[in-house]
Amino acid sequence: SQVITVCQDIADSLDNGDKIDAIII
């Protein structure tokens, strides 16, 4: 569910033409 949430948020942003900065810790 963590991976799905993050991937969906990123996919939605990319679909809107946005770029994402991300850090994995």
mmCIF file of all heavy atoms, coordinates in Angstrom:
data_MODEL
# 
_entry.id   MODEL 
# 
loop_
_atom_site.group_PDB 
_atom_site.id 
_atom_site.type_symbol 
_atom_site.label_atom_id 
_atom_site.label_alt_id 
_atom_site.label_comp_id 
_atom_site.label_asym_id 
_atom_site.label_entity_id 
_atom_site.label_seq_id 
_atom_site.pdbx_PDB_ins_code 
_atom_site.Cartn_x 
_atom_site.Cartn_y 
_atom_site.Cartn_z 
_atom_site.occupancy 
_atom_site.B_iso_or_equiv 
_atom_site.pdbx_formal_charge 
_atom_site.auth_seq_id 
_atom_site.auth_comp_id 
_atom_site.auth_asym_id 
_atom_site.auth_atom_id 
_atom_site.pdbx_PDB_model_num 
ATOM 1   N N   . SER A 1 1  ? 0.836  -1.208 0.000   1.00 0.00 ? 1  SER A N   1 
ATOM 2   C CA  . SER A 1 1  ? 0.000  0.000  0.000   1.00 0.00 ? 1  SER A CA  1 
ATOM 3   C C   . SER A 1 1  ? 0.866  1.252  0.000   1.00 0.00 ? 1  SER A C   1 
ATOM 4   O O   . SER A 1 1  ? 0.491  2.265  -0.601  1.00 0.00 ? 1  SER A O   1 
ATOM 5   C CB  . SER A 1 1  ? -0.979 0.001  1.183   1.00 0.00 ? 1  SER A CB  1 
ATOM 6   O OG  . SER A 1 1  ? -0.326 0.114  2.427   1.00 0.00 ? 1  SER A OG  1 
ATOM 7   N N   . GLN A 1 2  ? 2.034  1.180  0.633   1.00 0.00 ? 2  GLN A N   1 
ATOM 8   C CA  . GLN A 1 2  ? 2.957  2.320  0.597   1.00 0.00 ? 2  GLN A CA  1 
ATOM 9   C C   . GLN A 1 2  ? 3.428  2.557  -0.832  1.00 0.00 ? 2  GLN A C   1 
ATOM 10  O O   . GLN A 1 2  ? 3.382  3.675  -1.341  1.00 0.00 ? 2  GLN A O   1 
ATOM 11  C CB  . GLN A 1 2  ? 4.168  2.091  1.507   1.00 0.00 ? 2  GLN A CB  1 
ATOM 12  C CG  . GLN A 1 2  ? 5.155  3.251  1.459   1.00 0.00 ? 2  GLN A CG  1 
ATOM 13  C CD  . GLN A 1 2  ? 6.575  2.873  1.831   1.00 0.00 ? 2  GLN A CD  1 
ATOM 14  O OE1 . GLN A 1 2  ? 6.993  1.738  1.644   1.00 0.00 ? 2  GLN A OE1 1 
ATOM 15  N NE2 . GLN A 1 2  ? 7.318  3.835  2.350   1.00 0.00 ? 2  GLN A NE2 1 
ATOM 16  N N   . VAL A 1 3  ? 3.876  1.510  -1.499  1.00 0.00 ? 3  VAL A N   1 
ATOM 17  C CA  . VAL A 1 3  ? 4.386  1.627  -2.871  1.00 0.00 ? 3  VAL A CA  1 
ATOM 18  C C   . VAL A 1 3  ? 3.283  2.104  -3.817  1.00 0.00 ? 3  VAL A C   1 
ATOM 19  O O   . VAL A 1 3  ? 3.508  2.992  -4.649  1.00 0.00 ? 3  VAL A O   1 
ATOM 20  C CB  . VAL A 1 3  ? 4.986  0.283  -3.353  1.00 0.00 ? 3  VAL A CB  1 
ATOM 21  C CG1 . VAL A 1 3  ? 5.288  0.317  -4.839  1.00 0.00 ? 3  VAL A CG1 1 
ATOM 22  C CG2 . VAL A 1 3  ? 6.236  -0.058 -2.554  1.00 0.00 ? 3  VAL A CG2 1 
ATOM 23  N N   . ILE A 1 4  ? 2.093  1.557  -3.672  1.00 0.00 ? 4  ILE A N   1 
ATOM 24  C CA  . ILE A 1 4  ? 0.977  1.957  -4.542  1.00 0.00 ? 4  ILE A CA  1 
ATOM 25  C C   . ILE A 1 4  ? 0.650  3.436  -4.345  1.00 0.00 ? 4  ILE A C   1 
ATOM 26  O O   . ILE A 1 4  ? 0.446  4.172  -5.318  1.00 0.00 ? 4  ILE A O   1 
ATOM 27  C CB  . ILE A 1 4  ? -0.260 1.066  -4.285  1.00 0.00 ? 4  ILE A CB  1 
ATOM 28  C CG1 . ILE A 1 4  ? 0.011  -0.351 -4.811  1.00 0.00 ? 4  ILE A CG1 1 
ATOM 29  C CG2 . ILE A 1 4  ? -1.512 1.661  -4.911  1.00 0.00 ? 4  ILE A CG2 1 
ATOM 30  C CD1 . ILE A 1 4  ? -1.000 -1.389 -4.363  1.00 0.00 ? 4  ILE A CD1 1 
ATOM 31  N N   . THR A 1 5  ? 0.621  3.885  -3.094  1.00 0.00 ? 5  THR A N   1 
ATOM 32  C CA  . THR A 1 5  ? 0.319  5.296  -2.804  1.00 0.00 ? 5  THR A CA  1 
ATOM 33  C C   . THR A 1 5  ? 1.349  6.216  -3.438  1.00 0.00 ? 5  THR A C   1 
ATOM 34  O O   . THR A 1 5  ? 1.006  7.194  -4.111  1.00 0.00 ? 5  THR A O   1 
ATOM 35  C CB  . THR A 1 5  ? 0.257  5.535  -1.283  1.00 0.00 ? 5  THR A CB  1 
ATOM 36  O OG1 . THR A 1 5  ? -0.784 4.729  -0.725  1.00 0.00 ? 5  THR A OG1 1 
ATOM 37  C CG2 . THR A 1 5  ? 0.002  6.989  -0.952  1.00 0.00 ? 5  THR A CG2 1 
ATOM 38  N N   . VAL A 1 6  ? 2.621  5.907  -3.236  1.00 0.00 ? 6  VAL A N   1 
ATOM 39  C CA  . VAL A 1 6  ? 3.690  6.749  -3.785  1.00 0.00 ? 6  VAL A CA  1 
ATOM 40  C C   . VAL A 1 6  ? 3.652  6.728  -5.313  1.00 0.00 ? 6  VAL A C   1 
ATOM 41  O O   . VAL A 1 6  ? 3.699  7.785  -5.959  1.00 0.00 ? 6  VAL A O   1 
ATOM 42  C CB  . VAL A 1 6  ? 5.072  6.299  -3.264  1.00 0.00 ? 6  VAL A CB  1 
ATOM 43  C CG1 . VAL A 1 6  ? 6.198  7.013  -3.999  1.00 0.00 ? 6  VAL A CG1 1 
ATOM 44  C CG2 . VAL A 1 6  ? 5.179  6.529  -1.763  1.00 0.00 ? 6  VAL A CG2 1 
ATOM 45  N N   . CYS A 1 7  ? 3.546  5.548  -5.904  1.00 0.00 ? 7  CYS A N   1 
ATOM 46  C CA  . CYS A 1 7  ? 3.528  5.444  -7.374  1.00 0.00 ? 7  CYS A CA  1 
ATOM 47  C C   . CYS A 1 7  ? 2.326  6.170  -7.965  1.00 0.00 ? 7  CYS A C   1 
ATOM 48  O O   . CYS A 1 7  ? 2.453  6.841  -9.001  1.00 0.00 ? 7  CYS A O   1 
ATOM 49  C CB  . CYS A 1 7  ? 3.527  3.981  -7.805  1.00 0.00 ? 7  CYS A CB  1 
ATOM 50  S SG  . CYS A 1 7  ? 5.116  3.170  -7.537  1.00 0.00 ? 7  CYS A SG  1 
ATOM 51  N N   . GLN A 1 8  ? 1.170  6.062  -7.327  1.00 0.00 ? 8  GLN A N   1 
ATOM 52  C CA  . GLN A 1 8  ? -0.018 6.744  -7.845  1.00 0.00 ? 8  GLN A CA  1 
ATOM 53  C C   . GLN A 1 8  ? 0.143  8.265  -7.767  1.00 0.00 ? 8  GLN A C   1 
ATOM 54  O O   . GLN A 1 8  ? -0.196 8.978  -8.714  1.00 0.00 ? 8  GLN A O   1 
ATOM 55  C CB  . GLN A 1 8  ? -1.273 6.315  -7.077  1.00 0.00 ? 8  GLN A CB  1 
ATOM 56  C CG  . GLN A 1 8  ? -2.553 6.837  -7.687  1.00 0.00 ? 8  GLN A CG  1 
ATOM 57  C CD  . GLN A 1 8  ? -2.768 6.304  -9.101  1.00 0.00 ? 8  GLN A CD  1 
ATOM 58  O OE1 . GLN A 1 8  ? -2.803 5.102  -9.322  1.00 0.00 ? 8  GLN A OE1 1 
ATOM 59  N NE2 . GLN A 1 8  ? -2.899 7.205  -10.069 1.00 0.00 ? 8  GLN A NE2 1 
ATOM 60  N N   . ASP A 1 9  ? 0.681  8.758  -6.641  1.00 0.00 ? 9  ASP A N   1 
ATOM 61  C CA  . ASP A 1 9  ? 0.919  10.205 -6.504  1.00 0.00 ? 9  ASP A CA  1 
ATOM 62  C C   . ASP A 1 9  ? 1.890  10.707 -7.581  1.00 0.00 ? 9  ASP A C   1 
ATOM 63  O O   . ASP A 1 9  ? 1.675  11.747 -8.192  1.00 0.00 ? 9  ASP A O   1 
ATOM 64  C CB  . ASP A 1 9  ? 1.481  10.539 -5.117  1.00 0.00 ? 9  ASP A CB  1 
ATOM 65  C CG  . ASP A 1 9  ? 0.432  10.476 -4.028  1.00 0.00 ? 9  ASP A CG  1 
ATOM 66  O OD1 . ASP A 1 9  ? -0.760 10.304 -4.330  1.00 0.00 ? 9  ASP A OD1 1 
ATOM 67  O OD2 . ASP A 1 9  ? 0.827  10.602 -2.839  1.00 0.00 ? 9  ASP A OD2 1 
ATOM 68  N N   . ILE A 1 10 ? 2.955  9.952  -7.800  1.00 0.00 ? 10 ILE A N   1 
ATOM 69  C CA  . ILE A 1 10 ? 3.946  10.362 -8.803  1.00 0.00 ? 10 ILE A CA  1 
ATOM 70  C C   . ILE A 1 10 ? 3.346  10.284 -10.207 1.00 0.00 ? 10 ILE A C   1 
ATOM 71  O O   . ILE A 1 10 ? 3.521  11.194 -11.018 1.00 0.00 ? 10 ILE A O   1 
ATOM 72  C CB  . ILE A 1 10 ? 5.232  9.510  -8.675  1.00 0.00 ? 10 ILE A CB  1 
ATOM 73  C CG1 . ILE A 1 10 ? 5.948  9.866  -7.363  1.00 0.00 ? 10 ILE A CG1 1 
ATOM 74  C CG2 . ILE A 1 10 ? 6.146  9.711  -9.877  1.00 0.00 ? 10 ILE A CG2 1 
ATOM 75  C CD1 . ILE A 1 10 ? 7.121  8.978  -7.020  1.00 0.00 ? 10 ILE A CD1 1 
ATOM 76  N N   . ALA A 1 11 ? 2.615  9.214  -10.493 1.00 0.00 ? 11 ALA A N   1 
ATOM 77  C CA  . ALA A 1 11 ? 1.988  9.073  -11.818 1.00 0.00 ? 11 ALA A CA  1 
ATOM 78  C C   . ALA A 1 11 ? 1.001  10.213 -12.070 1.00 0.00 ? 11 ALA A C   1 
ATOM 79  O O   . ALA A 1 11 ? 0.978  10.781 -13.171 1.00 0.00 ? 11 ALA A O   1 
ATOM 80  C CB  . ALA A 1 11 ? 1.283  7.719  -11.925 1.00 0.00 ? 11 ALA A CB  1 
ATOM 81  N N   . ASP A 1 12 ? 0.201  10.561 -11.068 1.00 0.00 ? 12 ASP A N   1 
ATOM 82  C CA  . ASP A 1 12 ? -0.753 11.671 -11.224 1.00 0.00 ? 12 ASP A CA  1 
ATOM 83  C C   . ASP A 1 12 ? -0.022 12.974 -11.518 1.00 0.00 ? 12 ASP A C   1 
ATOM 84  O O   . ASP A 1 12 ? -0.436 13.754 -12.373 1.00 0.00 ? 12 ASP A O   1 
ATOM 85  C CB  . ASP A 1 12 ? -1.614 11.829 -9.967  1.00 0.00 ? 12 ASP A CB  1 
ATOM 86  C CG  . ASP A 1 12 ? -2.603 10.687 -9.768  1.00 0.00 ? 12 ASP A CG  1 
ATOM 87  O OD1 . ASP A 1 12 ? -2.818 9.899  -10.717 1.00 0.00 ? 12 ASP A OD1 1 
ATOM 88  O OD2 . ASP A 1 12 ? -3.148 10.584 -8.648  1.00 0.00 ? 12 ASP A OD2 1 
ATOM 89  N N   . SER A 1 13 ? 1.067  13.213 -10.821 1.00 0.00 ? 13 SER A N   1 
ATOM 90  C CA  . SER A 1 13 ? 1.838  14.445 -11.042 1.00 0.00 ? 13 SER A CA  1 
ATOM 91  C C   . SER A 1 13 ? 2.451  14.464 -12.434 1.00 0.00 ? 13 SER A C   1 
ATOM 92  O O   . SER A 1 13 ? 2.416  15.487 -13.121 1.00 0.00 ? 13 SER A O   1 
ATOM 93  C CB  . SER A 1 13 ? 2.936  14.575 -9.983  1.00 0.00 ? 13 SER A CB  1 
ATOM 94  O OG  . SER A 1 13 ? 2.375  14.810 -8.724  1.00 0.00 ? 13 SER A OG  1 
ATOM 95  N N   . LEU A 1 14 ? 3.016  13.352 -12.860 1.00 0.00 ? 14 LEU A N   1 
ATOM 96  C CA  . LEU A 1 14 ? 3.616  13.278 -14.197 1.00 0.00 ? 14 LEU A CA  1 
ATOM 97  C C   . LEU A 1 14 ? 2.557  13.446 -15.276 1.00 0.00 ? 14 LEU A C   1 
ATOM 98  O O   . LEU A 1 14 ? 2.802  14.099 -16.302 1.00 0.00 ? 14 LEU A O   1 
ATOM 99  C CB  . LEU A 1 14 ? 4.376  11.972 -14.370 1.00 0.00 ? 14 LEU A CB  1 
ATOM 100 C CG  . LEU A 1 14 ? 5.616  11.801 -13.472 1.00 0.00 ? 14 LEU A CG  1 
ATOM 101 C CD1 . LEU A 1 14 ? 6.220  10.421 -13.649 1.00 0.00 ? 14 LEU A CD1 1 
ATOM 102 C CD2 . LEU A 1 14 ? 6.643  12.893 -13.734 1.00 0.00 ? 14 LEU A CD2 1 
ATOM 103 N N   . ASP A 1 15 ? 1.354  12.887 -15.050 1.00 0.00 ? 15 ASP A N   1 
ATOM 104 C CA  . ASP A 1 15 ? 0.255  13.061 -16.008 1.00 0.00 ? 15 ASP A CA  1 
ATOM 105 C C   . ASP A 1 15 ? -0.130 14.533 -16.146 1.00 0.00 ? 15 ASP A C   1 
ATOM 106 O O   . ASP A 1 15 ? -0.572 14.961 -17.209 1.00 0.00 ? 15 ASP A O   1 
ATOM 107 C CB  . ASP A 1 15 ? -0.974 12.254 -15.581 1.00 0.00 ? 15 ASP A CB  1 
ATOM 108 C CG  . ASP A 1 15 ? -0.814 10.762 -15.819 1.00 0.00 ? 15 ASP A CG  1 
ATOM 109 O OD1 . ASP A 1 15 ? 0.133  10.366 -16.541 1.00 0.00 ? 15 ASP A OD1 1 
ATOM 110 O OD2 . ASP A 1 15 ? -1.626 9.986  -15.281 1.00 0.00 ? 15 ASP A OD2 1 
ATOM 111 N N   . ASN A 1 16 ? 0.039  15.292 -15.079 1.00 0.00 ? 16 ASN A N   1 
ATOM 112 C CA  . ASN A 1 16 ? -0.263 16.731 -15.092 1.00 0.00 ? 16 ASN A CA  1 
ATOM 113 C C   . ASN A 1 16 ? 0.903  17.561 -15.619 1.00 0.00 ? 16 ASN A C   1 
ATOM 114 O O   . ASN A 1 16 ? 0.838  18.784 -15.622 1.00 0.00 ? 16 ASN A O   1 
ATOM 115 C CB  . ASN A 1 16 ? -0.632 17.221 -13.689 1.00 0.00 ? 16 ASN A CB  1 
ATOM 116 C CG  . ASN A 1 16 ? -1.940 16.660 -13.209 1.00 0.00 ? 16 ASN A CG  1 
ATOM 117 O OD1 . ASN A 1 16 ? -2.820 16.356 -13.999 1.00 0.00 ? 16 ASN A OD1 1 
ATOM 118 N ND2 . ASN A 1 16 ? -2.076 16.521 -11.902 1.00 0.00 ? 16 ASN A ND2 1 
ATOM 119 N N   . GLY A 1 17 ? 1.986  16.889 -16.018 1.00 0.00 ? 17 GLY A N   1 
ATOM 120 C CA  . GLY A 1 17 ? 3.153  17.597 -16.534 1.00 0.00 ? 17 GLY A CA  1 
ATOM 121 C C   . GLY A 1 17 ? 4.072  18.138 -15.446 1.00 0.00 ? 17 GLY A C   1 
ATOM 122 O O   . GLY A 1 17 ? 4.986  18.905 -15.731 1.00 0.00 ? 17 GLY A O   1 
ATOM 123 N N   . ASP A 1 18 ? 3.838  17.744 -14.201 1.00 0.00 ? 18 ASP A N   1 
ATOM 124 C CA  . ASP A 1 18 ? 4.682  18.195 -13.096 1.00 0.00 ? 18 ASP A CA  1 
ATOM 125 C C   . ASP A 1 18 ? 5.912  17.311 -12.965 1.00 0.00 ? 18 ASP A C   1 
ATOM 126 O O   . ASP A 1 18 ? 5.913  16.157 -13.398 1.00 0.00 ? 18 ASP A O   1 
ATOM 127 C CB  . ASP A 1 18 ? 3.903  18.139 -11.773 1.00 0.00 ? 18 ASP A CB  1 
ATOM 128 C CG  . ASP A 1 18 ? 2.682  19.034 -11.761 1.00 0.00 ? 18 ASP A CG  1 
ATOM 129 O OD1 . ASP A 1 18 ? 2.757  20.139 -12.331 1.00 0.00 ? 18 ASP A OD1 1 
ATOM 130 O OD2 . ASP A 1 18 ? 1.653  18.622 -11.184 1.00 0.00 ? 18 ASP A OD2 1 
ATOM 131 N N   . LYS A 1 19 ? 6.949  17.856 -12.387 1.00 0.00 ? 19 LYS A N   1 
ATOM 132 C CA  . LYS A 1 19 ? 8.145  17.084 -12.053 1.00 0.00 ? 19 LYS A CA  1 
ATOM 133 C C   . LYS A 1 19 ? 8.149  16.888 -10.542 1.00 0.00 ? 19 LYS A C   1 
ATOM 134 O O   . LYS A 1 19 ? 7.580  17.684 -9.801  1.00 0.00 ? 19 LYS A O   1 
ATOM 135 C CB  . LYS A 1 19 ? 9.396  17.811 -12.516 1.00 0.00 ? 19 LYS A CB  1 
ATOM 136 C CG  . LYS A 1 19 ? 9.464  17.918 -14.025 1.00 0.00 ? 19 LYS A CG  1 
ATOM 137 C CD  . LYS A 1 19 ? 10.745 18.512 -14.494 1.00 0.00 ? 19 LYS A CD  1 
ATOM 138 C CE  . LYS A 1 19 ? 10.685 18.554 -16.020 1.00 0.00 ? 19 LYS A CE  1 
ATOM 139 N NZ  . LYS A 1 19 ? 11.927 18.930 -16.601 1.00 0.00 ? 19 LYS A NZ  1 
ATOM 140 N N   . ILE A 1 20 ? 8.824  15.839 -10.107 1.00 0.00 ? 20 ILE A N   1 
ATOM 141 C CA  . ILE A 1 20 ? 8.838  15.469 -8.690  1.00 0.00 ? 20 ILE A CA  1 
ATOM 142 C C   . ILE A 1 20 ? 10.273 15.374 -8.194  1.00 0.00 ? 20 ILE A C   1 
ATOM 143 O O   . ILE A 1 20 ? 11.129 14.797 -8.869  1.00 0.00 ? 20 ILE A O   1 
ATOM 144 C CB  . ILE A 1 20 ? 8.173  14.082 -8.480  1.00 0.00 ? 20 ILE A CB  1 
ATOM 145 C CG1 . ILE A 1 20 ? 6.735  14.079 -8.949  1.00 0.00 ? 20 ILE A CG1 1 
ATOM 146 C CG2 . ILE A 1 20 ? 8.290  13.608 -7.050  1.00 0.00 ? 20 ILE A CG2 1 
ATOM 147 C CD1 . ILE A 1 20 ? 5.767  14.720 -8.016  1.00 0.00 ? 20 ILE A CD1 1 
ATOM 148 N N   . ASP A 1 21 ? 10.526 15.934 -7.025  1.00 0.00 ? 21 ASP A N   1 
ATOM 149 C CA  . ASP A 1 21 ? 11.765 15.673 -6.291  1.00 0.00 ? 21 ASP A CA  1 
ATOM 150 C C   . ASP A 1 21 ? 11.430 14.636 -5.232  1.00 0.00 ? 21 ASP A C   1 
ATOM 151 O O   . ASP A 1 21 ? 10.393 14.753 -4.555  1.00 0.00 ? 21 ASP A O   1 
ATOM 152 C CB  . ASP A 1 21 ? 12.288 16.938 -5.606  1.00 0.00 ? 21 ASP A CB  1 
ATOM 153 C CG  . ASP A 1 21 ? 12.877 17.936 -6.589  1.00 0.00 ? 21 ASP A CG  1 
ATOM 154 O OD1 . ASP A 1 21 ? 13.412 17.507 -7.618  1.00 0.00 ? 21 ASP A OD1 1 
ATOM 155 O OD2 . ASP A 1 21 ? 12.800 19.147 -6.312  1.00 0.00 ? 21 ASP A OD2 1 
ATOM 156 N N   . ALA A 1 22 ? 12.275 13.624 -5.086  1.00 0.00 ? 22 ALA A N   1 
ATOM 157 C CA  . ALA A 1 22 ? 11.986 12.566 -4.112  1.00 0.00 ? 22 ALA A CA  1 
ATOM 158 C C   . ALA A 1 22 ? 13.256 12.129 -3.400  1.00 0.00 ? 22 ALA A C   1 
ATOM 159 O O   . ALA A 1 22 ? 14.350 12.156 -3.975  1.00 0.00 ? 22 ALA A O   1 
ATOM 160 C CB  . ALA A 1 22 ? 11.351 11.366 -4.805  1.00 0.00 ? 22 ALA A CB  1 
ATOM 161 N N   . ILE A 1 23 ? 13.064 11.735 -2.156  1.00 0.00 ? 23 ILE A N   1 
ATOM 162 C CA  . ILE A 1 23 ? 14.143 11.182 -1.338  1.00 0.00 ? 23 ILE A CA  1 
ATOM 163 C C   . ILE A 1 23 ? 13.611 9.898  -0.730  1.00 0.00 ? 23 ILE A C   1 
ATOM 164 O O   . ILE A 1 23 ? 12.492 9.874  -0.195  1.00 0.00 ? 23 ILE A O   1 
ATOM 165 C CB  . ILE A 1 23 ? 14.545 12.145 -0.200  1.00 0.00 ? 23 ILE A CB  1 
ATOM 166 C CG1 . ILE A 1 23 ? 15.002 13.488 -0.750  1.00 0.00 ? 23 ILE A CG1 1 
ATOM 167 C CG2 . ILE A 1 23 ? 15.610 11.524 0.684   1.00 0.00 ? 23 ILE A CG2 1 
ATOM 168 C CD1 . ILE A 1 23 ? 15.157 14.551 0.333   1.00 0.00 ? 23 ILE A CD1 1 
ATOM 169 N N   . ILE A 1 24 ? 14.406 8.844  -0.789  1.00 0.00 ? 24 ILE A N   1 
ATOM 170 C CA  . ILE A 1 24 ? 14.035 7.572  -0.160  1.00 0.00 ? 24 ILE A CA  1 
ATOM 171 C C   . ILE A 1 24 ? 15.027 7.317  0.969   1.00 0.00 ? 24 ILE A C   1 
ATOM 172 O O   . ILE A 1 24 ? 16.240 7.361  0.762   1.00 0.00 ? 24 ILE A O   1 
ATOM 173 C CB  . ILE A 1 24 ? 14.056 6.416  -1.180  1.00 0.00 ? 24 ILE A CB  1 
ATOM 174 C CG1 . ILE A 1 24 ? 13.062 6.713  -2.305  1.00 0.00 ? 24 ILE A CG1 1 
ATOM 175 C CG2 . ILE A 1 24 ? 13.752 5.092  -0.498  1.00 0.00 ? 24 ILE A CG2 1 
ATOM 176 C CD1 . ILE A 1 24 ? 13.120 5.749  -3.463  1.00 0.00 ? 24 ILE A CD1 1 
ATOM 177 N N   . ILE A 1 25 ? 14.491 7.056  2.162   1.00 0.00 ? 25 ILE A N   1 
ATOM 178 C CA  . ILE A 1 25 ? 15.337 6.907  3.345   1.00 0.00 ? 25 ILE A CA  1 
ATOM 179 C C   . ILE A 1 25 ? 15.022 5.591  4.052   1.00 0.00 ? 25 ILE A C   1 
ATOM 180 O O   . ILE A 1 25 ? 13.852 5.245  4.240   1.00 0.00 ? 25 ILE A O   1 
ATOM 181 C CB  . ILE A 1 25 ? 15.111 8.070  4.343   1.00 0.00 ? 25 ILE A CB  1 
ATOM 182 C CG1 . ILE A 1 25 ? 15.429 9.406  3.676   1.00 0.00 ? 25 ILE A CG1 1 
ATOM 183 C CG2 . ILE A 1 25 ? 15.931 7.873  5.612   1.00 0.00 ? 25 ILE A CG2 1 
ATOM 184 C CD1 . ILE A 1 25 ? 15.002 10.613 4.493   1.00 0.00 ? 25 ILE A CD1 1 
# 
